[in-house]
């Protein structure tokens, strides 16, 4: 089949909502695990059925368009299949690399701790924290709002990436070798600064680039 044939989908999220009320869910096998099972794909196909739609995204997840009336039941079925359903809205959202498919798990325990500590904190607009488990950073941590690159008991912290658009660019190195024992408090302080000083609905990269010369950033390092 020609890869460019049938290039315009007939079930986009917008088109579906023109004829009904749909909700979009972002799902994945987990924060670290990137491998789906055949049973999980069967569950996905079942809950979407003939009315919904499935789309892959650039953020390590699959997007499902589900009739809003069925959302609670659908989430329960997906979670019973050991699928992770991302929380929506203006919150801190965690993602991570696959730690070389489990071959380099040194940073996994602190990543799990950070997830339980940070995921879901309310912020002015959605704030993406991306943890990569080695210096290769092959899951592009430096292109998210807060990028963490692990290096032997510490993290390099990157801030202020512009993820898309004509001015897209990686974040800048804000702090080098923040120890594993201190990274949770360090990140919470960054989040607190964002909540305290950001303008309404101001994306993190705009906030950081507007305020990066402020004294409170210098005091943080």
C-alpha atoms as a PDB file:
ATOM      1  CA  UNK A   1       0.000   0.000   0.000  1.00  0.00           C
ATOM      2  CA  UNK A   2       1.276   3.457  -0.815  1.00  0.00           C
ATOM      3  CA  UNK A   3       2.332   5.174   2.435  1.00  0.00           C
ATOM      4  CA  UNK A   4       0.716   8.443   1.304  1.00  0.00           C
ATOM      5  CA  UNK A   5      -2.611   7.004   0.237  1.00  0.00           C
ATOM      6  CA  UNK A   6      -5.678   7.687   2.424  1.00  0.00           C
ATOM      7  CA  UNK A   7      -3.726  10.390   4.174  1.00  0.00           C
ATOM      8  CA  UNK A   8      -6.701  12.260   5.630  1.00  0.00           C
ATOM      9  CA  UNK A   9      -8.383  10.389   8.535  1.00  0.00           C
ATOM     10  CA  UNK A  10     -12.166  10.395   8.702  1.00  0.00           C
ATOM     11  CA  UNK A  11     -12.279  10.072  12.503  1.00  0.00           C
ATOM     12  CA  UNK A  12     -10.260  12.928  13.930  1.00  0.00           C
ATOM     13  CA  UNK A  13     -11.122  14.090  17.441  1.00  0.00           C
ATOM     14  CA  UNK A  14     -12.666  17.253  15.991  1.00  0.00           C
ATOM     15  CA  UNK A  15     -14.759  15.381  13.432  1.00  0.00           C
ATOM     16  CA  UNK A  16     -16.047  12.945  16.056  1.00  0.00           C
ATOM     17  CA  UNK A  17     -17.129  15.805  18.293  1.00  0.00           C
ATOM     18  CA  UNK A  18     -19.102  17.353  15.460  1.00  0.00           C
ATOM     19  CA  UNK A  19     -21.464  14.384  15.752  1.00  0.00           C
ATOM     20  CA  UNK A  20     -21.290  13.637  19.461  1.00  0.00           C
ATOM     21  CA  UNK A  21     -19.504  14.205  22.763  1.00  0.00           C
ATOM     22  CA  UNK A  22     -16.096  12.517  22.897  1.00  0.00           C
ATOM     23  CA  UNK A  23     -13.243  12.514  25.410  1.00  0.00           C
ATOM     24  CA  UNK A  24      -9.602  11.903  24.580  1.00  0.00           C
ATOM     25  CA  UNK A  25      -7.549   9.552  26.771  1.00  0.00           C
ATOM     26  CA  UNK A  26      -3.763   9.213  26.605  1.00  0.00           C
ATOM     27  CA  UNK A  27      -2.634   5.691  27.471  1.00  0.00           C
ATOM     28  CA  UNK A  28       0.640   3.789  27.700  1.00  0.00           C
ATOM     29  CA  UNK A  29       1.966   0.578  29.284  1.00  0.00           C
ATOM     30  CA  UNK A  30       3.514   2.702  32.053  1.00  0.00           C
ATOM     31  CA  UNK A  31       5.926   5.523  32.807  1.00  0.00           C
ATOM     32  CA  UNK A  32       8.994   3.393  32.011  1.00  0.00           C
ATOM     33  CA  UNK A  33       7.627   0.346  30.177  1.00  0.00           C
ATOM     34  CA  UNK A  34       7.063   1.037  26.468  1.00  0.00           C
ATOM     35  CA  UNK A  35       5.989  -2.487  25.406  1.00  0.00           C
ATOM     36  CA  UNK A  36       2.338  -3.351  24.835  1.00  0.00           C
ATOM     37  CA  UNK A  37       0.990  -6.900  24.990  1.00  0.00           C
ATOM     38  CA  UNK A  38      -1.382  -8.361  22.429  1.00  0.00           C
ATOM     39  CA  UNK A  39      -4.041  -8.612  25.164  1.00  0.00           C
ATOM     40  CA  UNK A  40      -3.688  -4.898  25.841  1.00  0.00           C
ATOM     41  CA  UNK A  41      -4.176  -4.104  22.155  1.00  0.00           C
ATOM     42  CA  UNK A  42      -7.283  -6.295  22.173  1.00  0.00           C
ATOM     43  CA  UNK A  43      -8.635  -4.293  25.117  1.00  0.00           C
ATOM     44  CA  UNK A  44      -7.864  -1.024  23.309  1.00  0.00           C
ATOM     45  CA  UNK A  45      -9.697  -2.212  20.192  1.00  0.00           C
ATOM     46  CA  UNK A  46     -12.659  -3.374  22.297  1.00  0.00           C
ATOM     47  CA  UNK A  47     -13.152  -0.120  24.225  1.00  0.00           C
ATOM     48  CA  UNK A  48     -12.777   2.047  21.102  1.00  0.00           C
ATOM     49  CA  UNK A  49     -15.124  -0.108  19.040  1.00  0.00           C
ATOM     50  CA  UNK A  50     -16.593   1.204  15.801  1.00  0.00           C
ATOM     51  CA  UNK A  51     -17.507   4.642  17.147  1.00  0.00           C
ATOM     52  CA  UNK A  52     -14.194   5.891  18.554  1.00  0.00           C
ATOM     53  CA  UNK A  53     -10.703   6.389  17.175  1.00  0.00           C
ATOM     54  CA  UNK A  54      -7.073   5.502  17.917  1.00  0.00           C
ATOM     55  CA  UNK A  55      -4.087   7.734  17.214  1.00  0.00           C
ATOM     56  CA  UNK A  56      -0.417   7.584  18.172  1.00  0.00           C
ATOM     57  CA  UNK A  57       1.234  10.652  19.635  1.00  0.00           C
ATOM     58  CA  UNK A  58       4.725  12.090  19.917  1.00  0.00           C
ATOM     59  CA  UNK A  59       4.706  11.777  23.706  1.00  0.00           C
ATOM     60  CA  UNK A  60       5.142   8.016  24.216  1.00  0.00           C
ATOM     61  CA  UNK A  61       1.405   7.359  24.349  1.00  0.00           C
ATOM     62  CA  UNK A  62      -1.588   6.319  22.277  1.00  0.00           C
ATOM     63  CA  UNK A  63      -4.581   8.644  22.119  1.00  0.00           C
ATOM     64  CA  UNK A  64      -8.071   7.172  22.288  1.00  0.00           C
ATOM     65  CA  UNK A  65     -11.235   9.086  21.390  1.00  0.00           C
ATOM     66  CA  UNK A  66     -14.033   7.628  23.508  1.00  0.00           C
ATOM     67  CA  UNK A  67     -17.712   8.625  23.851  1.00  0.00           C
ATOM     68  CA  UNK A  68     -17.786  10.754  26.993  1.00  0.00           C
ATOM     69  CA  UNK A  69     -20.689   8.779  28.398  1.00  0.00           C
ATOM     70  CA  UNK A  70     -18.457   5.659  28.484  1.00  0.00           C
ATOM     71  CA  UNK A  71     -15.292   7.261  29.926  1.00  0.00           C
ATOM     72  CA  UNK A  72     -15.436   5.947  33.509  1.00  0.00           C
ATOM     73  CA  UNK A  73     -16.155   2.384  32.374  1.00  0.00           C
ATOM     74  CA  UNK A  74     -13.439   2.637  29.697  1.00  0.00           C
ATOM     75  CA  UNK A  75     -10.789   3.825  32.157  1.00  0.00           C
ATOM     76  CA  UNK A  76     -11.630   0.924  34.465  1.00  0.00           C
ATOM     77  CA  UNK A  77     -11.244  -1.598  31.615  1.00  0.00           C
ATOM     78  CA  UNK A  78      -7.940  -0.071  30.491  1.00  0.00           C
ATOM     79  CA  UNK A  79      -6.502  -0.070  34.003  1.00  0.00           C
ATOM     80  CA  UNK A  80      -7.632  -3.678  34.506  1.00  0.00           C
ATOM     81  CA  UNK A  81      -5.498  -4.487  31.450  1.00  0.00           C
ATOM     82  CA  UNK A  82      -2.493  -2.887  33.238  1.00  0.00           C
ATOM     83  CA  UNK A  83      -2.554   0.189  31.012  1.00  0.00           C
ATOM     84  CA  UNK A  84      -1.627   3.591  32.418  1.00  0.00           C
ATOM     85  CA  UNK A  85      -4.166   6.344  31.755  1.00  0.00           C
ATOM     86  CA  UNK A  86      -2.576   9.788  31.952  1.00  0.00           C
ATOM     87  CA  UNK A  87      -4.234  12.457  34.038  1.00  0.00           C
ATOM     88  CA  UNK A  88      -5.414  15.498  32.107  1.00  0.00           C
ATOM     89  CA  UNK A  89      -5.455  19.214  32.781  1.00  0.00           C
ATOM     90  CA  UNK A  90      -3.005  21.851  34.111  1.00  0.00           C
ATOM     91  CA  UNK A  91      -0.884  19.548  36.241  1.00  0.00           C
ATOM     92  CA  UNK A  92       2.670  18.264  36.524  1.00  0.00           C
ATOM     93  CA  UNK A  93       2.887  15.274  34.153  1.00  0.00           C
ATOM     94  CA  UNK A  94       5.785  12.820  34.358  1.00  0.00           C
ATOM     95  CA  UNK A  95       7.316  10.761  31.574  1.00  0.00           C
ATOM     96  CA  UNK A  96      10.571   8.864  31.262  1.00  0.00           C
ATOM     97  CA  UNK A  97      12.745   6.819  28.943  1.00  0.00           C
ATOM     98  CA  UNK A  98      12.653   3.014  28.945  1.00  0.00           C
ATOM     99  CA  UNK A  99      15.993   2.727  30.780  1.00  0.00           C
ATOM    100  CA  UNK A 100      17.402   0.722  27.879  1.00  0.00           C
ATOM    101  CA  UNK A 101      14.525  -1.756  28.147  1.00  0.00           C
ATOM    102  CA  UNK A 102      15.461  -2.431  31.746  1.00  0.00           C
ATOM    103  CA  UNK A 103      19.192  -2.915  31.238  1.00  0.00           C
ATOM    104  CA  UNK A 104      20.086   0.377  32.980  1.00  0.00           C
ATOM    105  CA  UNK A 105      17.749   0.682  35.951  1.00  0.00           C
ATOM    106  CA  UNK A 106      19.949   2.700  38.303  1.00  0.00           C
ATOM    107  CA  UNK A 107      17.731   5.786  38.071  1.00  0.00           C
ATOM    108  CA  UNK A 108      14.425   3.891  38.130  1.00  0.00           C
ATOM    109  CA  UNK A 109      13.831   4.017  41.925  1.00  0.00           C
ATOM    110  CA  UNK A 110      14.243   7.801  42.142  1.00  0.00           C
ATOM    111  CA  UNK A 111      12.101   8.198  39.012  1.00  0.00           C
ATOM    112  CA  UNK A 112       9.295   6.271  40.702  1.00  0.00           C
ATOM    113  CA  UNK A 113       9.685   8.371  43.841  1.00  0.00           C
ATOM    114  CA  UNK A 114       9.518  11.580  41.804  1.00  0.00           C
ATOM    115  CA  UNK A 115       6.405  10.341  40.036  1.00  0.00           C
ATOM    116  CA  UNK A 116       4.542   9.719  43.293  1.00  0.00           C
ATOM    117  CA  UNK A 117       5.712  13.060  44.676  1.00  0.00           C
ATOM    118  CA  UNK A 118       5.142  15.353  41.672  1.00  0.00           C
ATOM    119  CA  UNK A 119       2.548  13.846  39.338  1.00  0.00           C
ATOM    120  CA  UNK A 120      -0.742  15.699  39.525  1.00  0.00           C
ATOM    121  CA  UNK A 121       0.413  18.894  41.263  1.00  0.00           C
ATOM    122  CA  UNK A 122      -1.730  21.751  39.952  1.00  0.00           C
ATOM    123  CA  UNK A 123       0.194  24.393  37.960  1.00  0.00           C
ATOM    124  CA  UNK A 124      -0.727  27.347  35.685  1.00  0.00           C
ATOM    125  CA  UNK A 125      -0.510  25.168  32.549  1.00  0.00           C
ATOM    126  CA  UNK A 126       0.477  21.546  31.993  1.00  0.00           C
ATOM    127  CA  UNK A 127       4.122  21.052  33.014  1.00  0.00           C
ATOM    128  CA  UNK A 128       6.012  18.091  31.542  1.00  0.00           C
ATOM    129  CA  UNK A 129       8.894  16.561  33.493  1.00  0.00           C
ATOM    130  CA  UNK A 130      10.961  14.116  31.435  1.00  0.00           C
ATOM    131  CA  UNK A 131      13.487  11.789  33.102  1.00  0.00           C
ATOM    132  CA  UNK A 132      16.204  10.090  31.038  1.00  0.00           C
ATOM    133  CA  UNK A 133      18.285   7.406  32.723  1.00  0.00           C
ATOM    134  CA  UNK A 134      21.688   8.064  31.182  1.00  0.00           C
ATOM    135  CA  UNK A 135      23.700  10.755  29.417  1.00  0.00           C
ATOM    136  CA  UNK A 136      22.546   9.574  25.980  1.00  0.00           C
ATOM    137  CA  UNK A 137      19.164  11.196  26.726  1.00  0.00           C
ATOM    138  CA  UNK A 138      17.707   9.349  23.725  1.00  0.00           C
ATOM    139  CA  UNK A 139      14.139  10.099  24.862  1.00  0.00           C
ATOM    140  CA  UNK A 140      14.809  13.824  24.408  1.00  0.00           C
ATOM    141  CA  UNK A 141      14.510  15.039  27.990  1.00  0.00           C
ATOM    142  CA  UNK A 142      16.038  18.379  26.982  1.00  0.00           C
ATOM    143  CA  UNK A 143      12.988  19.088  24.776  1.00  0.00           C
ATOM    144  CA  UNK A 144      10.490  19.115  27.631  1.00  0.00           C
ATOM    145  CA  UNK A 145       9.649  21.789  30.194  1.00  0.00           C
ATOM    146  CA  UNK A 146      11.927  20.237  32.795  1.00  0.00           C
ATOM    147  CA  UNK A 147      14.430  17.688  31.530  1.00  0.00           C
ATOM    148  CA  UNK A 148      16.377  15.442  33.891  1.00  0.00           C
ATOM    149  CA  UNK A 149      19.417  13.563  32.582  1.00  0.00           C
ATOM    150  CA  UNK A 150      20.837  11.043  35.029  1.00  0.00           C
ATOM    151  CA  UNK A 151      24.576  10.713  35.572  1.00  0.00           C
ATOM    152  CA  UNK A 152      25.845   8.556  38.457  1.00  0.00           C
ATOM    153  CA  UNK A 153      23.850   9.465  41.561  1.00  0.00           C
ATOM    154  CA  UNK A 154      22.866  12.892  40.183  1.00  0.00           C
ATOM    155  CA  UNK A 155      20.865  14.705  37.530  1.00  0.00           C
ATOM    156  CA  UNK A 156      21.623  17.487  35.093  1.00  0.00           C
ATOM    157  CA  UNK A 157      18.535  19.717  34.993  1.00  0.00           C
ATOM    158  CA  UNK A 158      17.437  21.475  31.790  1.00  0.00           C
ATOM    159  CA  UNK A 159      14.753  24.162  31.729  1.00  0.00           C
ATOM    160  CA  UNK A 160      12.785  26.183  29.238  1.00  0.00           C
ATOM    161  CA  UNK A 161      12.592  24.088  26.072  1.00  0.00           C
ATOM    162  CA  UNK A 162      10.271  25.297  23.312  1.00  0.00           C
ATOM    163  CA  UNK A 163       8.887  21.947  22.135  1.00  0.00           C
ATOM    164  CA  UNK A 164       7.339  22.991  18.818  1.00  0.00           C
ATOM    165  CA  UNK A 165       6.869  25.778  16.321  1.00  0.00           C
ATOM    166  CA  UNK A 166       9.187  27.897  14.224  1.00  0.00           C
ATOM    167  CA  UNK A 167      11.238  28.821  17.309  1.00  0.00           C
ATOM    168  CA  UNK A 168      11.503  25.301  18.731  1.00  0.00           C
ATOM    169  CA  UNK A 169      14.690  24.676  20.692  1.00  0.00           C
ATOM    170  CA  UNK A 170      16.105  22.562  23.470  1.00  0.00           C
ATOM    171  CA  UNK A 171      16.122  23.708  27.050  1.00  0.00           C
ATOM    172  CA  UNK A 172      19.240  25.150  28.619  1.00  0.00           C
ATOM    173  CA  UNK A 173      21.337  23.505  31.312  1.00  0.00           C
ATOM    174  CA  UNK A 174      20.163  25.105  34.543  1.00  0.00           C
ATOM    175  CA  UNK A 175      21.888  22.983  37.171  1.00  0.00           C
ATOM    176  CA  UNK A 176      24.560  20.307  36.865  1.00  0.00           C
ATOM    177  CA  UNK A 177      24.892  17.220  39.030  1.00  0.00           C
ATOM    178  CA  UNK A 178      22.011  17.740  41.451  1.00  0.00           C
ATOM    179  CA  UNK A 179      22.289  14.787  43.809  1.00  0.00           C
ATOM    180  CA  UNK A 180      19.623  12.085  43.896  1.00  0.00           C
ATOM    181  CA  UNK A 181      18.993  12.902  47.566  1.00  0.00           C
ATOM    182  CA  UNK A 182      18.233  16.530  46.734  1.00  0.00           C
ATOM    183  CA  UNK A 183      16.455  16.355  43.363  1.00  0.00           C
ATOM    184  CA  UNK A 184      12.915  16.013  44.745  1.00  0.00           C
ATOM    185  CA  UNK A 185      13.166  19.171  46.883  1.00  0.00           C
ATOM    186  CA  UNK A 186      14.949  20.951  44.019  1.00  0.00           C
ATOM    187  CA  UNK A 187      12.139  20.209  41.577  1.00  0.00           C
ATOM    188  CA  UNK A 188       9.422  21.108  44.048  1.00  0.00           C
ATOM    189  CA  UNK A 189      11.053  24.500  44.514  1.00  0.00           C
ATOM    190  CA  UNK A 190      11.057  25.076  40.734  1.00  0.00           C
ATOM    191  CA  UNK A 191       7.377  24.137  40.609  1.00  0.00           C
ATOM    192  CA  UNK A 192       6.624  26.475  43.519  1.00  0.00           C
ATOM    193  CA  UNK A 193       8.358  29.349  41.709  1.00  0.00           C
ATOM    194  CA  UNK A 194       6.294  28.643  38.617  1.00  0.00           C
ATOM    195  CA  UNK A 195       3.055  28.619  40.610  1.00  0.00           C
ATOM    196  CA  UNK A 196       3.998  31.769  42.516  1.00  0.00           C
ATOM    197  CA  UNK A 197       5.368  33.974  39.738  1.00  0.00           C
ATOM    198  CA  UNK A 198       3.786  32.826  36.460  1.00  0.00           C
ATOM    199  CA  UNK A 199       1.150  34.866  34.727  1.00  0.00           C
ATOM    200  CA  UNK A 200      -2.276  33.256  34.206  1.00  0.00           C
ATOM    201  CA  UNK A 201      -2.038  30.367  31.720  1.00  0.00           C
ATOM    202  CA  UNK A 202       1.627  31.153  31.021  1.00  0.00           C
ATOM    203  CA  UNK A 203       3.518  28.128  29.610  1.00  0.00           C
ATOM    204  CA  UNK A 204       6.590  27.155  31.581  1.00  0.00           C
ATOM    205  CA  UNK A 205       9.070  28.042  28.829  1.00  0.00           C
ATOM    206  CA  UNK A 206       7.655  31.576  28.553  1.00  0.00           C
ATOM    207  CA  UNK A 207       7.722  31.957  32.319  1.00  0.00           C
ATOM    208  CA  UNK A 208      11.304  30.757  32.600  1.00  0.00           C
ATOM    209  CA  UNK A 209      12.632  32.838  29.734  1.00  0.00           C
ATOM    210  CA  UNK A 210      10.849  35.931  31.079  1.00  0.00           C
ATOM    211  CA  UNK A 211      12.143  35.507  34.638  1.00  0.00           C
ATOM    212  CA  UNK A 212      15.467  33.647  34.359  1.00  0.00           C
ATOM    213  CA  UNK A 213      17.447  36.680  35.531  1.00  0.00           C
ATOM    214  CA  UNK A 214      15.349  37.024  38.696  1.00  0.00           C
ATOM    215  CA  UNK A 215      17.158  36.620  41.992  1.00  0.00           C
ATOM    216  CA  UNK A 216      14.984  33.691  43.068  1.00  0.00           C
ATOM    217  CA  UNK A 217      16.525  31.528  40.331  1.00  0.00           C
ATOM    218  CA  UNK A 218      20.038  32.416  41.512  1.00  0.00           C
ATOM    219  CA  UNK A 219      19.074  31.530  45.073  1.00  0.00           C
ATOM    220  CA  UNK A 220      17.903  28.096  43.911  1.00  0.00           C
ATOM    221  CA  UNK A 221      21.248  26.954  42.505  1.00  0.00           C
END
